[in-house]
Structures are given as structure tokens and as C-alpha cells.
N, C-alpha and C. Protein backbone atom coordinates (compact mmCIF):
# COMPACT_ATOMS: atom_id res chain seq x y z
N UNK A 1 23.86 -35.06 13.91
CA UNK A 1 24.62 -34.35 12.93
C UNK A 1 25.72 -33.56 13.61
N UNK A 2 26.88 -33.67 13.12
CA UNK A 2 28.01 -32.96 13.70
C UNK A 2 28.04 -31.55 13.14
N UNK A 3 28.25 -30.59 14.01
CA UNK A 3 28.33 -29.20 13.56
C UNK A 3 29.78 -28.86 13.27
N UNK A 4 29.97 -28.17 12.20
CA UNK A 4 31.31 -27.77 11.81
C UNK A 4 31.69 -26.50 12.55
N UNK A 5 32.90 -26.47 12.99
CA UNK A 5 33.41 -25.24 13.59
C UNK A 5 33.83 -24.31 12.47
N UNK A 6 33.35 -23.09 12.54
CA UNK A 6 33.71 -22.11 11.52
C UNK A 6 35.05 -21.48 11.87
N UNK A 7 35.65 -20.96 10.86
CA UNK A 7 36.92 -20.26 11.03
C UNK A 7 36.68 -19.04 11.94
N UNK A 8 37.64 -18.73 12.81
CA UNK A 8 37.43 -17.59 13.72
C UNK A 8 37.11 -16.28 13.01
N UNK A 9 37.68 -16.04 11.84
CA UNK A 9 37.37 -14.80 11.12
C UNK A 9 35.92 -14.80 10.64
N UNK A 10 35.40 -15.96 10.27
CA UNK A 10 33.99 -16.05 9.85
C UNK A 10 33.09 -15.80 11.04
N UNK A 11 33.46 -16.33 12.21
CA UNK A 11 32.67 -16.07 13.43
C UNK A 11 32.64 -14.57 13.74
N UNK A 12 33.79 -13.93 13.60
CA UNK A 12 33.86 -12.48 13.84
C UNK A 12 32.99 -11.73 12.82
N UNK A 13 33.02 -12.17 11.58
CA UNK A 13 32.21 -11.52 10.54
C UNK A 13 30.72 -11.68 10.85
N UNK A 14 30.33 -12.85 11.33
CA UNK A 14 28.92 -13.07 11.69
C UNK A 14 28.49 -12.13 12.80
N UNK A 15 29.34 -11.96 13.82
CA UNK A 15 28.99 -11.03 14.90
C UNK A 15 28.97 -9.59 14.38
N UNK A 16 29.87 -9.29 13.44
CA UNK A 16 29.88 -7.96 12.82
C UNK A 16 28.59 -7.70 12.06
N UNK A 17 28.11 -8.69 11.34
CA UNK A 17 26.86 -8.55 10.58
C UNK A 17 25.68 -8.36 11.52
N UNK A 18 25.70 -9.02 12.67
CA UNK A 18 24.62 -8.84 13.64
C UNK A 18 24.58 -7.41 14.16
N UNK A 19 25.74 -6.78 14.24
CA UNK A 19 25.80 -5.38 14.68
C UNK A 19 25.45 -4.41 13.56
N UNK A 20 25.50 -4.88 12.33
CA UNK A 20 25.21 -4.03 11.16
C UNK A 20 24.16 -4.71 10.28
N UNK A 21 22.90 -4.73 10.71
CA UNK A 21 21.85 -5.43 9.95
C UNK A 21 21.56 -4.82 8.59
N UNK A 22 22.05 -3.63 8.34
CA UNK A 22 21.87 -3.03 7.01
C UNK A 22 22.55 -3.86 5.94
N UNK A 23 23.58 -4.61 6.33
CA UNK A 23 24.27 -5.48 5.38
C UNK A 23 23.34 -6.59 4.90
N UNK A 24 22.54 -7.11 5.81
CA UNK A 24 21.60 -8.18 5.45
C UNK A 24 20.62 -7.66 4.39
N UNK A 25 20.17 -6.43 4.55
CA UNK A 25 19.25 -5.85 3.57
C UNK A 25 19.90 -5.74 2.21
N UNK A 26 21.18 -5.34 2.20
CA UNK A 26 21.91 -5.22 0.94
C UNK A 26 21.98 -6.55 0.20
N UNK A 27 22.27 -7.62 0.94
CA UNK A 27 22.39 -8.94 0.32
C UNK A 27 21.03 -9.42 -0.16
N UNK A 28 19.99 -9.19 0.63
CA UNK A 28 18.65 -9.64 0.23
C UNK A 28 18.13 -8.89 -0.99
N UNK A 29 18.54 -7.64 -1.12
CA UNK A 29 18.14 -6.87 -2.31
C UNK A 29 18.93 -7.29 -3.54
N UNK A 30 20.03 -7.99 -3.33
CA UNK A 30 20.85 -8.43 -4.45
C UNK A 30 21.90 -7.41 -4.84
N UNK A 31 22.10 -6.39 -4.03
CA UNK A 31 23.08 -5.37 -4.35
C UNK A 31 24.50 -5.80 -3.99
N UNK A 32 24.63 -6.71 -3.04
CA UNK A 32 25.93 -7.20 -2.60
C UNK A 32 25.84 -8.72 -2.43
N UNK A 33 27.00 -9.36 -2.35
CA UNK A 33 27.04 -10.79 -2.01
C UNK A 33 27.79 -10.92 -0.69
N UNK A 34 27.53 -12.02 -0.01
CA UNK A 34 28.22 -12.26 1.26
C UNK A 34 29.74 -12.32 1.03
N UNK A 35 30.14 -12.92 -0.06
CA UNK A 35 31.57 -13.05 -0.35
C UNK A 35 32.22 -11.68 -0.50
N UNK A 36 31.57 -10.79 -1.25
CA UNK A 36 32.12 -9.44 -1.44
C UNK A 36 32.19 -8.69 -0.12
N UNK A 37 31.13 -8.79 0.67
CA UNK A 37 31.12 -8.09 1.96
C UNK A 37 32.20 -8.64 2.89
N UNK A 38 32.35 -9.96 2.90
CA UNK A 38 33.37 -10.57 3.75
C UNK A 38 34.75 -10.11 3.34
N UNK A 39 35.01 -10.09 2.05
CA UNK A 39 36.32 -9.67 1.57
C UNK A 39 36.60 -8.21 1.93
N UNK A 40 35.58 -7.34 1.76
CA UNK A 40 35.74 -5.93 2.12
C UNK A 40 35.99 -5.79 3.62
N UNK A 41 35.23 -6.53 4.39
CA UNK A 41 35.38 -6.48 5.85
C UNK A 41 36.77 -6.96 6.25
N UNK A 42 37.23 -8.02 5.63
CA UNK A 42 38.54 -8.59 5.96
C UNK A 42 39.66 -7.63 5.59
N UNK A 43 39.53 -6.98 4.44
CA UNK A 43 40.58 -6.06 3.99
C UNK A 43 40.52 -4.70 4.69
N UNK A 44 39.31 -4.16 4.83
CA UNK A 44 39.15 -2.81 5.38
C UNK A 44 39.12 -2.79 6.91
N UNK A 45 38.59 -3.84 7.51
CA UNK A 45 38.46 -3.89 8.96
C UNK A 45 37.10 -3.37 9.41
N UNK A 46 36.84 -3.56 10.69
CA UNK A 46 35.54 -3.18 11.24
C UNK A 46 35.40 -1.67 11.45
N UNK A 47 36.51 -0.96 11.53
CA UNK A 47 36.49 0.46 11.84
C UNK A 47 36.40 1.35 10.60
N UNK A 48 36.28 0.78 9.44
CA UNK A 48 36.22 1.57 8.23
C UNK A 48 34.92 2.39 8.19
N UNK A 49 34.98 3.64 7.71
CA UNK A 49 33.77 4.49 7.65
C UNK A 49 32.66 3.92 6.77
N UNK A 50 33.00 3.02 5.87
CA UNK A 50 31.97 2.43 5.00
C UNK A 50 30.90 1.72 5.81
N UNK A 51 31.24 1.13 6.91
CA UNK A 51 30.30 0.32 7.69
C UNK A 51 29.38 1.18 8.56
N UNK A 52 29.73 2.44 8.77
CA UNK A 52 28.91 3.30 9.61
C UNK A 52 27.51 3.49 9.04
N UNK A 53 27.41 3.57 7.73
CA UNK A 53 26.09 3.78 7.14
C UNK A 53 25.17 2.59 7.40
N UNK A 54 25.72 1.40 7.44
CA UNK A 54 24.91 0.22 7.71
C UNK A 54 24.50 0.15 9.17
N UNK A 55 25.37 0.60 10.04
CA UNK A 55 25.04 0.60 11.46
C UNK A 55 24.04 1.70 11.77
N UNK A 56 24.25 2.89 11.23
CA UNK A 56 23.33 4.01 11.46
C UNK A 56 21.98 3.74 10.84
N UNK A 57 21.99 3.10 9.69
CA UNK A 57 20.73 2.77 9.01
C UNK A 57 19.88 1.90 9.91
N UNK A 58 20.50 0.95 10.56
CA UNK A 58 19.76 0.06 11.44
C UNK A 58 19.28 0.81 12.67
N UNK A 59 20.16 1.61 13.26
CA UNK A 59 19.77 2.33 14.47
C UNK A 59 18.63 3.29 14.18
N UNK A 60 18.73 4.02 13.07
CA UNK A 60 17.67 4.96 12.70
C UNK A 60 16.39 4.22 12.34
N UNK A 61 16.54 3.12 11.61
CA UNK A 61 15.37 2.35 11.20
C UNK A 61 14.65 1.76 12.39
N UNK A 62 15.42 1.21 13.34
CA UNK A 62 14.82 0.62 14.52
C UNK A 62 14.14 1.69 15.35
N UNK A 63 14.82 2.82 15.53
CA UNK A 63 14.22 3.90 16.31
C UNK A 63 12.98 4.45 15.62
N UNK A 64 13.03 4.56 14.32
CA UNK A 64 11.87 5.06 13.58
C UNK A 64 10.69 4.10 13.70
N UNK A 65 10.98 2.79 13.58
CA UNK A 65 9.91 1.81 13.71
C UNK A 65 9.30 1.84 15.10
N UNK A 66 10.16 1.92 16.14
CA UNK A 66 9.66 1.97 17.50
C UNK A 66 8.84 3.23 17.73
N UNK A 67 9.33 4.35 17.26
CA UNK A 67 8.61 5.61 17.42
C UNK A 67 7.28 5.57 16.69
N UNK A 68 7.27 5.00 15.49
CA UNK A 68 6.04 4.92 14.71
C UNK A 68 5.01 4.04 15.40
N UNK A 69 5.44 2.90 15.93
CA UNK A 69 4.50 2.01 16.60
C UNK A 69 3.98 2.65 17.88
N UNK A 70 4.85 3.36 18.60
CA UNK A 70 4.40 4.03 19.82
C UNK A 70 3.43 5.16 19.49
N UNK A 71 3.76 5.94 18.46
CA UNK A 71 2.89 7.07 18.12
C UNK A 71 1.55 6.60 17.58
N UNK A 72 1.55 5.51 16.80
CA UNK A 72 0.27 5.03 16.28
C UNK A 72 -0.59 4.48 17.40
N UNK A 73 0.02 3.78 18.37
CA UNK A 73 -0.79 3.28 19.47
C UNK A 73 -1.25 4.42 20.35
N UNK A 74 -0.39 5.45 20.51
CA UNK A 74 -0.79 6.61 21.29
C UNK A 74 -1.90 7.37 20.58
N UNK A 75 -1.79 7.51 19.26
CA UNK A 75 -2.80 8.28 18.54
C UNK A 75 -4.13 7.55 18.52
N UNK A 76 -4.09 6.21 18.44
CA UNK A 76 -5.34 5.45 18.46
C UNK A 76 -6.01 5.56 19.82
N UNK A 77 -5.22 5.45 20.86
CA UNK A 77 -5.78 5.53 22.20
C UNK A 77 -5.88 6.98 22.67
N UNK A 78 -5.01 7.83 22.14
CA UNK A 78 -4.90 9.19 22.61
C UNK A 78 -6.15 10.02 22.40
N UNK A 79 -6.70 10.00 21.21
CA UNK A 79 -7.85 10.86 20.96
C UNK A 79 -9.08 10.36 21.71
N UNK A 80 -9.19 9.05 21.90
CA UNK A 80 -10.31 8.52 22.69
C UNK A 80 -10.16 8.95 24.15
N UNK A 81 -8.94 8.90 24.64
CA UNK A 81 -8.70 9.34 26.02
C UNK A 81 -8.96 10.83 26.16
N UNK A 82 -8.59 11.60 25.16
CA UNK A 82 -8.83 13.05 25.21
C UNK A 82 -10.32 13.35 25.23
N UNK A 83 -11.07 12.65 24.42
CA UNK A 83 -12.53 12.87 24.40
C UNK A 83 -13.13 12.50 25.75
N UNK A 84 -12.68 11.37 26.30
CA UNK A 84 -13.17 10.95 27.61
C UNK A 84 -12.83 11.96 28.68
N UNK A 85 -11.63 12.49 28.64
CA UNK A 85 -11.21 13.49 29.63
C UNK A 85 -12.04 14.76 29.50
N UNK A 86 -12.28 15.20 28.27
CA UNK A 86 -13.08 16.41 28.05
C UNK A 86 -14.51 16.20 28.54
N UNK A 87 -15.07 15.04 28.26
CA UNK A 87 -16.44 14.77 28.70
C UNK A 87 -16.53 14.71 30.22
N UNK A 88 -15.51 14.19 30.88
CA UNK A 88 -15.52 14.13 32.34
C UNK A 88 -15.41 15.53 32.95
N UNK A 89 -14.62 16.39 32.32
CA UNK A 89 -14.41 17.73 32.85
C UNK A 89 -15.52 18.71 32.47
N UNK A 90 -16.42 18.29 31.60
CA UNK A 90 -17.45 19.18 31.08
C UNK A 90 -18.49 19.51 32.16
N UNK A 91 -18.77 20.80 32.28
CA UNK A 91 -19.80 21.26 33.19
C UNK A 91 -21.08 21.49 32.37
N UNK A 92 -22.15 20.74 32.66
CA UNK A 92 -23.37 20.88 31.84
C UNK A 92 -23.97 22.29 31.87
N UNK A 93 -23.92 22.97 33.01
CA UNK A 93 -24.48 24.33 33.08
C UNK A 93 -23.69 25.29 32.22
N UNK A 94 -22.36 25.15 32.24
CA UNK A 94 -21.52 26.02 31.44
C UNK A 94 -21.74 25.75 29.95
N UNK A 95 -21.90 24.49 29.57
CA UNK A 95 -22.17 24.14 28.18
C UNK A 95 -23.50 24.73 27.73
N UNK A 96 -24.51 24.67 28.58
CA UNK A 96 -25.82 25.23 28.24
C UNK A 96 -25.71 26.75 28.05
N UNK A 97 -24.91 27.40 28.88
CA UNK A 97 -24.70 28.84 28.76
C UNK A 97 -24.04 29.17 27.41
N UNK A 98 -23.02 28.40 27.03
CA UNK A 98 -22.34 28.64 25.75
C UNK A 98 -23.28 28.38 24.56
N UNK A 99 -24.11 27.35 24.67
CA UNK A 99 -25.06 27.05 23.58
C UNK A 99 -26.07 28.18 23.44
N UNK A 100 -26.54 28.71 24.55
CA UNK A 100 -27.48 29.84 24.49
C UNK A 100 -26.83 31.07 23.86
N UNK A 101 -25.58 31.36 24.23
CA UNK A 101 -24.88 32.50 23.63
C UNK A 101 -24.71 32.31 22.12
N UNK A 102 -24.37 31.11 21.71
CA UNK A 102 -24.22 30.82 20.28
C UNK A 102 -25.55 30.98 19.55
N UNK A 103 -26.61 30.52 20.17
CA UNK A 103 -27.93 30.64 19.56
C UNK A 103 -28.32 32.12 19.39
N UNK A 104 -28.02 32.93 20.39
CA UNK A 104 -28.33 34.35 20.30
C UNK A 104 -27.49 35.03 19.22
N UNK A 105 -26.24 34.63 19.09
CA UNK A 105 -25.38 35.21 18.06
C UNK A 105 -25.90 34.86 16.67
N UNK A 106 -26.34 33.63 16.48
CA UNK A 106 -26.88 33.20 15.18
C UNK A 106 -28.16 33.98 14.87
N UNK A 107 -29.00 34.18 15.87
CA UNK A 107 -30.23 34.94 15.67
C UNK A 107 -29.92 36.38 15.29
N UNK A 108 -28.90 36.98 15.90
CA UNK A 108 -28.52 38.35 15.58
C UNK A 108 -28.02 38.45 14.14
N UNK A 109 -27.23 37.48 13.70
CA UNK A 109 -26.74 37.49 12.32
C UNK A 109 -27.90 37.33 11.35
N UNK A 110 -28.85 36.47 11.67
CA UNK A 110 -30.03 36.30 10.81
C UNK A 110 -30.84 37.59 10.74
N UNK A 111 -30.94 38.29 11.85
CA UNK A 111 -31.68 39.57 11.86
C UNK A 111 -31.01 40.60 10.97
N UNK A 112 -29.69 40.68 11.03
CA UNK A 112 -28.96 41.65 10.20
C UNK A 112 -29.13 41.30 8.74
N UNK A 113 -29.03 40.01 8.40
CA UNK A 113 -29.21 39.61 7.01
C UNK A 113 -30.62 39.90 6.52
N UNK A 114 -31.62 39.74 7.37
CA UNK A 114 -33.00 40.01 6.98
C UNK A 114 -33.21 41.49 6.68
N UNK A 115 -32.50 42.35 7.39
CA UNK A 115 -32.63 43.80 7.15
C UNK A 115 -32.07 44.20 5.80
N UNK A 116 -31.04 43.52 5.34
CA UNK A 116 -30.42 43.89 4.08
C UNK A 116 -31.11 43.26 2.87
N UNK A 117 -31.99 42.31 3.08
CA UNK A 117 -32.70 41.72 1.94
C UNK A 117 -33.75 42.70 1.44
N UNK A 118 -33.98 42.67 0.14
CA UNK A 118 -34.97 43.59 -0.42
C UNK A 118 -36.37 43.07 -0.09
N UNK A 119 -37.32 43.98 0.12
CA UNK A 119 -38.68 43.55 0.48
C UNK A 119 -39.37 42.79 -0.65
N UNK A 120 -39.03 43.06 -1.91
CA UNK A 120 -39.73 42.37 -3.00
C UNK A 120 -39.32 40.90 -3.07
N UNK A 121 -38.13 40.53 -2.60
CA UNK A 121 -37.72 39.13 -2.67
C UNK A 121 -38.42 38.29 -1.62
N UNK A 122 -38.89 38.90 -0.54
CA UNK A 122 -39.60 38.15 0.50
C UNK A 122 -41.07 37.96 0.17
N UNK A 123 -41.65 38.88 -0.62
CA UNK A 123 -43.08 38.81 -0.92
C UNK A 123 -43.29 38.15 -2.27
N UNK A 124 -44.36 37.39 -2.38
CA UNK A 124 -44.72 36.76 -3.64
C UNK A 124 -45.53 37.78 -4.45
N UNK A 125 -45.18 37.98 -5.71
CA UNK A 125 -45.88 38.95 -6.54
C UNK A 125 -47.22 38.37 -6.96
N UNK A 126 -48.25 39.19 -6.82
CA UNK A 126 -49.59 38.78 -7.23
C UNK A 126 -49.84 39.30 -8.64
N UNK A 127 -49.96 38.43 -9.59
CA UNK A 127 -50.23 38.91 -10.96
C UNK A 127 -51.66 39.42 -11.08
N UNK A 128 -51.88 40.36 -12.00
CA UNK A 128 -53.18 40.99 -12.18
C UNK A 128 -54.12 40.12 -13.01
N UNK A 129 -53.61 39.46 -14.02
CA UNK A 129 -54.51 38.68 -14.88
C UNK A 129 -54.44 37.20 -14.52
N UNK A 130 -55.54 36.46 -14.75
CA UNK A 130 -55.54 35.03 -14.44
C UNK A 130 -54.60 34.24 -15.35
N UNK A 131 -54.35 34.76 -16.55
CA UNK A 131 -53.44 34.07 -17.45
C UNK A 131 -52.01 34.12 -16.93
N UNK A 132 -51.67 35.15 -16.19
CA UNK A 132 -50.32 35.28 -15.65
C UNK A 132 -50.06 34.27 -14.55
N UNK A 133 -51.15 33.82 -13.90
CA UNK A 133 -50.99 32.82 -12.84
C UNK A 133 -50.55 31.49 -13.41
N UNK A 134 -51.11 31.13 -14.57
CA UNK A 134 -50.78 29.84 -15.18
C UNK A 134 -50.14 30.14 -16.53
N UNK A 135 -48.85 30.04 -16.63
CA UNK A 135 -48.20 30.40 -17.87
C UNK A 135 -48.45 29.39 -19.00
N UNK A 136 -49.00 28.23 -18.66
CA UNK A 136 -49.21 27.20 -19.69
C UNK A 136 -50.67 27.09 -20.13
N UNK A 137 -51.49 28.03 -19.80
CA UNK A 137 -52.87 27.95 -20.24
C UNK A 137 -52.96 28.40 -21.71
N UNK A 138 -53.71 27.65 -22.49
CA UNK A 138 -53.87 27.96 -23.90
C UNK A 138 -55.34 28.26 -24.17
N UNK A 139 -55.57 29.10 -25.13
CA UNK A 139 -56.94 29.41 -25.50
C UNK A 139 -57.46 28.34 -26.43
N UNK A 140 -58.69 28.02 -26.26
CA UNK A 140 -59.31 27.04 -27.13
C UNK A 140 -59.90 27.75 -28.33
N UNK A 141 -59.86 27.14 -29.46
CA UNK A 141 -60.43 27.73 -30.68
C UNK A 141 -61.89 27.49 -30.76
């Protein structure tokens, strides 16, 4: 199959589109047509401020995608690496000391709470009559 040589202005437009991939998105969304873009490019030129948004959109989009992929891979591996590093640096004697201190602090808080509780709530009341023990007992006729 013989390939057709394109007009030099079309070749330039193709290279322009490669530098501004935001244009491809516009055409795929149906917001623009290649013919309209070509005519604007031909009339306005490559240096028109209109094209900056398409170039910046691509640069920002590419950078954002790269940053997102790097951060997600770092975050997936990062927290596992952090846990591994913490476990390697952990001193078992020091951890035991901290656990003992925490246990003593919890016991002290429980002691303070026990002092403020009323004595009647801790003791079970002993009823005087046997009927009071079983509230569902009925007398037989």
C-alpha cells in the first residue's frame, strides 16, 4: 500500500497536537472537531494563548498522574516499611517498662473511681421477706 504524503501544514498540525494532548481529549469528548481545531490553529498560529490551556492541562495531568502513582506505591509500601523499621528499633525491655507504667496508671484510675462509687451500689441488698426474693411468687388459694 502506498502511503500518501500529507501537506506540510497538516504534518505541522499533527506535531502540534502531540505537544498539546488536551486537544485530543476535546475531540474525543465531542466538544471540538479536528477541522475546527485545524482552522483555528492555521489562523491563530501556535503561539496563541488559547493553546496554553491545552498544553498546561497535559503537563499538570501528567504530573498529577505520576505523583499519584508514586504516592500510592509509596503509601502501600511505606506504612509496611515503617512498621518494620519500628519493630526492628524496638527495645523489648523498654516496651515492658512502658507496659508496666500503663498498667499501674490504669490501676490508679480504677482505684480513684472505686472510691467515688457509693457503697450501696457495690453491695447486693438482702431483702427481709422471702416474698421479696422472688417477685413472681403467687399465693395459692
